N, C-alpha and C. Protein backbone atom coordinates (compact mmCIF):
# COMPACT_ATOMS: atom_id res chain seq x y z
N UNK A 1 35.39 81.86 132.17
CA UNK A 1 36.55 81.61 132.99
C UNK A 1 36.17 80.76 134.21
N UNK A 2 34.98 80.96 134.70
CA UNK A 2 34.55 80.20 135.87
C UNK A 2 34.54 78.70 135.57
N UNK A 3 34.10 78.33 134.38
CA UNK A 3 34.06 76.91 134.01
C UNK A 3 35.47 76.33 134.01
N UNK A 4 36.40 77.02 133.35
CA UNK A 4 37.77 76.52 133.24
C UNK A 4 38.45 76.43 134.60
N UNK A 5 38.14 77.33 135.49
CA UNK A 5 38.80 77.32 136.81
C UNK A 5 38.35 76.15 137.68
N UNK A 6 37.26 75.49 137.31
CA UNK A 6 36.76 74.36 138.10
C UNK A 6 36.96 73.01 137.42
N UNK A 7 37.75 72.97 136.36
CA UNK A 7 38.03 71.70 135.68
C UNK A 7 39.32 71.10 136.24
N UNK A 8 39.27 69.85 136.59
CA UNK A 8 40.44 69.16 137.12
C UNK A 8 40.65 67.90 136.30
N UNK A 9 41.58 67.96 135.37
CA UNK A 9 41.89 66.82 134.51
C UNK A 9 43.34 66.97 134.07
N UNK A 10 44.07 65.86 134.02
CA UNK A 10 45.49 65.93 133.67
C UNK A 10 45.72 66.41 132.24
N UNK A 11 44.71 66.34 131.39
CA UNK A 11 44.86 66.78 130.00
C UNK A 11 44.36 68.19 129.75
N UNK A 12 43.91 68.86 130.79
CA UNK A 12 43.39 70.22 130.65
C UNK A 12 44.25 71.15 131.50
N UNK A 13 44.86 72.18 130.88
CA UNK A 13 45.67 73.10 131.68
C UNK A 13 44.82 73.83 132.71
N UNK A 14 45.37 74.01 133.87
CA UNK A 14 44.66 74.67 134.98
C UNK A 14 44.70 76.18 134.83
N UNK A 15 43.57 76.82 135.01
CA UNK A 15 43.48 78.27 134.97
C UNK A 15 43.91 78.83 136.32
N UNK A 16 44.87 79.75 136.30
CA UNK A 16 45.34 80.36 137.55
C UNK A 16 44.82 81.78 137.73
N UNK A 17 44.71 82.51 136.64
CA UNK A 17 44.26 83.90 136.76
C UNK A 17 43.83 84.41 135.39
N UNK A 18 43.11 85.50 135.39
CA UNK A 18 42.70 86.15 134.14
C UNK A 18 42.71 87.65 134.36
N UNK A 19 43.15 88.36 133.33
CA UNK A 19 43.21 89.81 133.37
C UNK A 19 42.48 90.35 132.14
N UNK A 20 41.64 91.33 132.36
CA UNK A 20 40.88 91.88 131.23
C UNK A 20 41.02 93.39 131.19
N UNK A 21 41.28 93.89 129.99
CA UNK A 21 41.25 95.33 129.75
C UNK A 21 40.16 95.58 128.72
N UNK A 22 40.00 96.82 128.33
CA UNK A 22 38.98 97.11 127.31
C UNK A 22 39.38 96.59 125.93
N UNK A 23 40.66 96.19 125.76
CA UNK A 23 41.12 95.72 124.45
C UNK A 23 41.51 94.25 124.40
N UNK A 24 41.72 93.62 125.55
CA UNK A 24 42.17 92.23 125.50
C UNK A 24 41.84 91.47 126.77
N UNK A 25 41.94 90.17 126.65
CA UNK A 25 41.78 89.27 127.78
C UNK A 25 43.02 88.40 127.82
N UNK A 26 43.69 88.34 128.94
CA UNK A 26 44.86 87.47 129.11
C UNK A 26 44.54 86.45 130.18
N UNK A 27 44.84 85.20 129.89
CA UNK A 27 44.61 84.14 130.87
C UNK A 27 45.93 83.47 131.19
N UNK A 28 46.09 83.10 132.45
CA UNK A 28 47.30 82.43 132.93
C UNK A 28 46.95 80.97 133.18
N UNK A 29 47.55 80.09 132.37
CA UNK A 29 47.29 78.66 132.45
C UNK A 29 48.56 77.93 132.85
N UNK A 30 48.40 76.69 133.32
CA UNK A 30 49.56 75.83 133.55
C UNK A 30 50.31 75.65 132.25
N UNK A 31 51.62 75.54 132.36
CA UNK A 31 52.43 75.15 131.21
C UNK A 31 52.42 73.63 131.13
N UNK A 32 52.10 73.11 129.97
CA UNK A 32 52.14 71.67 129.78
C UNK A 32 53.44 71.37 129.03
N UNK A 33 54.38 70.69 129.69
CA UNK A 33 55.69 70.45 129.07
C UNK A 33 55.59 69.52 127.86
N UNK A 34 56.55 69.66 126.97
CA UNK A 34 56.60 68.81 125.80
C UNK A 34 55.95 69.47 124.60
N UNK A 35 55.92 68.73 123.52
CA UNK A 35 55.32 69.22 122.28
C UNK A 35 53.82 69.01 122.29
N UNK A 36 53.14 69.82 121.50
CA UNK A 36 51.71 69.58 121.34
C UNK A 36 51.50 68.51 120.26
N UNK A 37 50.29 68.09 120.09
CA UNK A 37 49.99 67.02 119.15
C UNK A 37 50.37 67.40 117.72
N UNK A 38 50.13 68.63 117.33
CA UNK A 38 50.46 69.06 115.97
C UNK A 38 51.96 68.93 115.72
N UNK A 39 52.79 69.40 116.66
CA UNK A 39 54.24 69.27 116.51
C UNK A 39 54.64 67.81 116.34
N UNK A 40 54.06 66.95 117.16
CA UNK A 40 54.38 65.53 117.07
C UNK A 40 53.93 64.93 115.74
N UNK A 41 52.76 65.32 115.26
CA UNK A 41 52.27 64.80 113.99
C UNK A 41 53.16 65.23 112.82
N UNK A 42 53.66 66.45 112.87
CA UNK A 42 54.52 66.95 111.80
C UNK A 42 55.92 66.35 111.86
N UNK A 43 56.43 66.12 113.07
CA UNK A 43 57.79 65.60 113.25
C UNK A 43 57.86 64.11 112.96
N UNK A 44 56.92 63.39 113.47
CA UNK A 44 56.92 61.94 113.35
C UNK A 44 55.95 61.53 112.26
N UNK A 45 56.42 60.90 111.23
CA UNK A 45 55.60 60.60 110.05
C UNK A 45 54.77 59.32 110.17
N UNK A 46 55.22 58.37 110.97
CA UNK A 46 54.48 57.11 111.08
C UNK A 46 54.13 56.82 112.54
N UNK A 47 52.99 56.19 112.71
CA UNK A 47 52.50 55.82 114.03
C UNK A 47 52.01 54.39 113.99
N UNK A 48 52.23 53.68 115.08
CA UNK A 48 51.67 52.33 115.19
C UNK A 48 50.20 52.45 115.60
N UNK A 49 49.50 51.36 115.45
CA UNK A 49 48.10 51.34 115.91
C UNK A 49 48.03 51.66 117.40
N UNK A 50 48.98 51.15 118.15
CA UNK A 50 49.02 51.39 119.60
C UNK A 50 49.20 52.88 119.89
N UNK A 51 50.13 53.54 119.17
CA UNK A 51 50.35 54.98 119.36
C UNK A 51 49.07 55.77 119.11
N UNK A 52 48.41 55.47 118.01
CA UNK A 52 47.18 56.18 117.65
C UNK A 52 46.08 55.91 118.68
N UNK A 53 46.00 54.67 119.14
CA UNK A 53 44.96 54.35 120.12
C UNK A 53 45.18 55.13 121.42
N UNK A 54 46.44 55.34 121.83
CA UNK A 54 46.72 56.13 123.04
C UNK A 54 46.32 57.60 122.85
N UNK A 55 46.62 58.15 121.69
CA UNK A 55 46.26 59.54 121.39
C UNK A 55 44.74 59.71 121.42
N UNK A 56 44.05 58.82 120.73
CA UNK A 56 42.58 58.90 120.67
C UNK A 56 41.98 58.66 122.05
N UNK A 57 42.54 57.73 122.80
CA UNK A 57 42.03 57.43 124.15
C UNK A 57 42.12 58.67 125.04
N UNK A 58 43.26 59.37 125.02
CA UNK A 58 43.42 60.59 125.81
C UNK A 58 42.41 61.65 125.40
N UNK A 59 42.22 61.80 124.10
CA UNK A 59 41.25 62.78 123.60
C UNK A 59 39.83 62.43 124.05
N UNK A 60 39.45 61.18 123.87
CA UNK A 60 38.10 60.74 124.25
C UNK A 60 37.88 60.87 125.75
N UNK A 61 38.87 60.47 126.55
CA UNK A 61 38.74 60.59 128.01
C UNK A 61 38.55 62.04 128.44
N UNK A 62 39.30 62.94 127.81
CA UNK A 62 39.18 64.36 128.14
C UNK A 62 37.81 64.90 127.73
N UNK A 63 37.34 64.53 126.55
CA UNK A 63 36.01 64.97 126.10
C UNK A 63 34.92 64.39 126.99
N UNK A 64 35.06 63.15 127.42
CA UNK A 64 34.08 62.55 128.33
C UNK A 64 34.02 63.34 129.64
N UNK A 65 35.19 63.74 130.13
CA UNK A 65 35.23 64.54 131.36
C UNK A 65 34.49 65.86 131.16
N UNK A 66 34.75 66.52 130.05
CA UNK A 66 34.05 67.78 129.76
C UNK A 66 32.54 67.57 129.64
N UNK A 67 32.15 66.55 128.90
CA UNK A 67 30.72 66.29 128.69
C UNK A 67 30.02 65.90 129.98
N UNK A 68 30.74 65.23 130.88
CA UNK A 68 30.13 64.86 132.17
C UNK A 68 29.80 66.10 133.00
N UNK A 69 30.46 67.22 132.67
CA UNK A 69 30.19 68.49 133.35
C UNK A 69 29.34 69.41 132.49
N UNK A 70 28.72 68.83 131.45
CA UNK A 70 27.86 69.59 130.52
C UNK A 70 28.60 70.71 129.81
N UNK A 71 29.84 70.42 129.42
CA UNK A 71 30.67 71.38 128.69
C UNK A 71 30.95 70.80 127.31
N UNK A 72 30.73 71.61 126.28
CA UNK A 72 31.05 71.21 124.91
C UNK A 72 32.23 72.04 124.43
N UNK A 73 33.27 71.38 123.95
CA UNK A 73 34.44 72.08 123.39
C UNK A 73 34.20 72.23 121.90
N UNK A 74 34.19 73.45 121.43
CA UNK A 74 33.83 73.71 120.04
C UNK A 74 35.02 74.01 119.14
N UNK A 75 36.23 73.86 119.66
CA UNK A 75 37.41 74.24 118.86
C UNK A 75 38.56 73.26 119.13
N UNK A 76 38.33 71.99 118.88
CA UNK A 76 39.37 70.98 119.11
C UNK A 76 40.31 70.96 117.92
N UNK A 77 41.60 71.11 118.20
CA UNK A 77 42.62 71.08 117.16
C UNK A 77 43.92 70.55 117.77
N UNK A 78 44.83 70.05 116.94
CA UNK A 78 46.03 69.40 117.48
C UNK A 78 47.06 70.35 118.07
N UNK A 79 46.92 71.64 117.85
CA UNK A 79 47.90 72.54 118.45
C UNK A 79 47.35 73.09 119.73
C-alpha cells in the first residue's frame, strides 16, 4: 500500500485509504470516469492506427513511470 500511495500519474488511480480485517483488505482508490479499456475493446470493433498508438502510448508511459520507481506491474489487463 505504501508504494501505491506515493505514485502520482494521471493513468494510475490514487490510493486514499486502506482497511484490513482478518478476512479481507479493502482499498479506497480514485474513481476514474469512463469505460475501461476492455469495455471499449468489446464495444468498438475497429480502431485506426492513430487510436491504437494512443492506447499503447498511454500504457507505455505509465509502465515507464512505474519502472522509473523500480516497480514492476505483474497483472496488466484491459479491465
